[in-house]
């Protein structure tokens, strides 16, 4: 299920991306710029912290999930018209250096716009999981998508 417009999705359909292995350097670089907490940016301090070692920022995990979805071209190149937000964002398990993450999406609902018939709203559940199949993050996403013009 790739290169999709709103009408290509149906409730219950799923999509999944390739994996992305997160390096220690990527975690440190992100943390130094955007989330400078010791358990994200100080290897030695993180060893004595609540997670027993360095972990990725939850915001980084979210960003990786969004990037994986875009790189997999789940949406047609001209389909996305932005997002009004997300709901129920949860970080379920820490992400460590060397973890390989994948993203799974499940379509919850598609709603054509009443006022703008060329588009509509896709509601989906995004789940990020690691190499052990453990869910590390979930959220309910919303995406405004174009409807494919009739032939």
Protein backbone atom coordinates (compact mmCIF):
# COMPACT_ATOMS: atom_id res chain seq x y z
CA UNK A 1 0.00 0.00 0.00
CA UNK A 2 2.16 2.82 -1.31
CA UNK A 3 1.79 6.02 -3.39
CA UNK A 4 -1.76 6.39 -2.06
CA UNK A 5 -4.41 9.08 -2.16
CA UNK A 6 -7.23 9.29 0.37
CA UNK A 7 -9.58 7.02 -1.57
CA UNK A 8 -6.93 4.28 -1.82
CA UNK A 9 -7.14 3.65 1.93
CA UNK A 10 -9.81 1.59 3.64
CA UNK A 11 -10.53 1.03 7.31
CA UNK A 12 -8.33 -1.71 8.72
CA UNK A 13 -5.75 -1.65 5.93
CA UNK A 14 -2.13 -1.62 7.09
CA UNK A 15 1.27 -0.57 5.85
CA UNK A 16 4.77 -1.22 7.18
CA UNK A 17 8.18 0.29 6.50
CA UNK A 18 11.72 -0.99 6.21
CA UNK A 19 13.93 -0.80 9.30
CA UNK A 20 16.20 1.98 10.52
CA UNK A 21 19.05 1.17 12.92
CA UNK A 22 19.80 4.03 15.30
CA UNK A 23 23.44 4.70 16.15
CA UNK A 24 24.84 6.19 19.34
CA UNK A 25 26.15 9.13 17.29
CA UNK A 26 22.65 9.87 15.92
CA UNK A 27 21.16 9.80 19.41
CA UNK A 28 23.85 12.13 20.77
CA UNK A 29 23.59 14.55 17.85
CA UNK A 30 19.81 14.84 18.15
CA UNK A 31 19.94 15.23 21.94
CA UNK A 32 22.58 17.96 21.83
CA UNK A 33 20.43 19.96 19.42
CA UNK A 34 16.89 19.28 20.61
CA UNK A 35 16.54 17.34 23.88
CA UNK A 36 19.60 17.87 26.10
CA UNK A 37 18.76 15.58 28.99
CA UNK A 38 21.60 13.53 30.51
CA UNK A 39 20.12 10.13 29.57
CA UNK A 40 20.00 11.30 25.92
CA UNK A 41 23.36 13.05 25.62
CA UNK A 42 25.83 11.86 28.26
CA UNK A 43 26.90 8.23 27.89
CA UNK A 44 28.51 8.01 31.34
CA UNK A 45 25.71 9.79 33.21
CA UNK A 46 23.13 7.65 31.40
CA UNK A 47 24.69 4.45 32.79
CA UNK A 48 23.55 5.48 36.27
CA UNK A 49 20.24 6.88 35.05
CA UNK A 50 16.75 5.42 35.03
CA UNK A 51 17.28 3.41 31.82
CA UNK A 52 20.73 1.95 32.55
CA UNK A 53 22.25 3.55 29.47
CA UNK A 54 21.89 6.07 26.71
CA UNK A 55 18.44 6.22 25.09
CA UNK A 56 16.97 8.11 22.16
CA UNK A 57 14.68 11.06 22.72
CA UNK A 58 11.01 10.23 22.25
CA UNK A 59 10.78 13.17 19.88
CA UNK A 60 13.57 11.58 17.82
CA UNK A 61 11.64 8.30 17.73
CA UNK A 62 8.55 10.15 16.48
CA UNK A 63 10.59 11.99 13.84
CA UNK A 64 12.12 8.72 12.64
CA UNK A 65 8.64 7.20 12.32
CA UNK A 66 7.43 10.12 10.23
CA UNK A 67 10.55 9.98 8.07
CA UNK A 68 10.16 6.22 7.51
CA UNK A 69 6.58 6.76 6.37
CA UNK A 70 7.62 9.53 3.97
CA UNK A 71 10.61 7.59 2.62
CA UNK A 72 8.42 4.53 2.05
CA UNK A 73 6.15 6.80 -0.02
CA UNK A 74 2.99 5.61 1.68
CA UNK A 75 1.33 8.74 0.28
CA UNK A 76 1.51 9.70 -3.39
CA UNK A 77 4.08 12.50 -3.88
CA UNK A 78 1.38 15.15 -4.39
CA UNK A 79 -1.18 13.69 -1.95
CA UNK A 80 -0.12 15.08 1.43
CA UNK A 81 -1.57 18.44 2.37
CA UNK A 82 -0.28 18.54 5.93
CA UNK A 83 -1.54 17.39 9.30
CA UNK A 84 -3.73 19.11 11.87
CA UNK A 85 -2.02 17.18 14.66
CA UNK A 86 -1.87 13.89 16.50
CA UNK A 87 -3.46 12.32 19.54
CA UNK A 88 -2.53 9.79 22.20
CA UNK A 89 1.25 9.93 21.67
CA UNK A 90 2.85 7.32 23.93
CA UNK A 91 6.45 6.25 24.44
CA UNK A 92 6.17 2.66 25.56
CA UNK A 93 9.79 1.45 25.84
CA UNK A 94 13.19 3.13 25.59
CA UNK A 95 15.11 3.06 22.31
CA UNK A 96 18.80 2.22 22.71
CA UNK A 97 21.78 2.65 20.36
CA UNK A 98 21.78 -0.24 17.90
CA UNK A 99 18.02 -0.75 18.02
CA UNK A 100 16.40 -1.24 14.62
CA UNK A 101 13.04 0.49 14.35
CA UNK A 102 10.19 -0.12 11.94
CA UNK A 103 6.87 1.64 11.55
CA UNK A 104 3.49 0.00 11.14
CA UNK A 105 0.39 1.99 10.25
CA UNK A 106 -3.24 0.93 10.51
CA UNK A 107 -5.98 2.95 8.85
CA UNK A 108 -8.73 3.83 11.32
CA UNK A 109 -10.92 6.07 9.18
CA UNK A 110 -11.06 8.09 5.98
CA UNK A 111 -13.39 11.08 5.83
CA UNK A 112 -13.86 13.07 2.62
CA UNK A 113 -14.17 16.81 3.23
CA UNK A 114 -17.68 18.20 2.79
CA UNK A 115 -16.46 21.71 1.98
CA UNK A 116 -13.42 20.80 -0.15
CA UNK A 117 -14.21 17.73 -2.26
CA UNK A 118 -10.63 17.41 -3.57
CA UNK A 119 -9.38 16.24 -0.14
CA UNK A 120 -10.19 14.53 3.11
CA UNK A 121 -8.82 13.27 6.42
CA UNK A 122 -6.97 10.02 7.02
CA UNK A 123 -6.89 8.86 10.66
CA UNK A 124 -4.37 6.13 11.40
CA UNK A 125 -2.52 4.48 14.25
CA UNK A 126 1.27 4.64 13.94
CA UNK A 127 3.24 2.09 15.93
CA UNK A 128 7.03 2.06 16.07
CA UNK A 129 8.53 -1.26 17.08
CA UNK A 130 12.06 -2.56 17.61
CA UNK A 131 14.00 -5.57 16.32
CA UNK A 132 12.43 -7.74 19.03
CA UNK A 133 8.90 -6.87 17.91
CA UNK A 134 8.34 -4.73 21.02
CA UNK A 135 6.25 -1.59 20.55
CA UNK A 136 8.31 1.45 21.57
CA UNK A 137 5.94 4.26 20.52
CA UNK A 138 2.37 4.69 19.36
CA UNK A 139 0.15 7.58 18.35
CA UNK A 140 -3.01 8.40 16.46
CA UNK A 141 -2.13 10.40 13.37
CA UNK A 142 -4.22 12.62 11.14
CA UNK A 143 -3.24 13.50 7.60
CA UNK A 144 -5.03 15.69 5.10
CA UNK A 145 -4.76 13.92 1.76
CA UNK A 146 -5.81 14.75 -1.76
CA UNK A 147 -8.39 12.59 -3.41
CA UNK A 148 -7.29 11.25 -6.76
CA UNK A 149 -8.97 13.05 -9.62
CA UNK A 150 -11.39 10.82 -11.53
CA UNK A 151 -10.09 9.60 -14.90
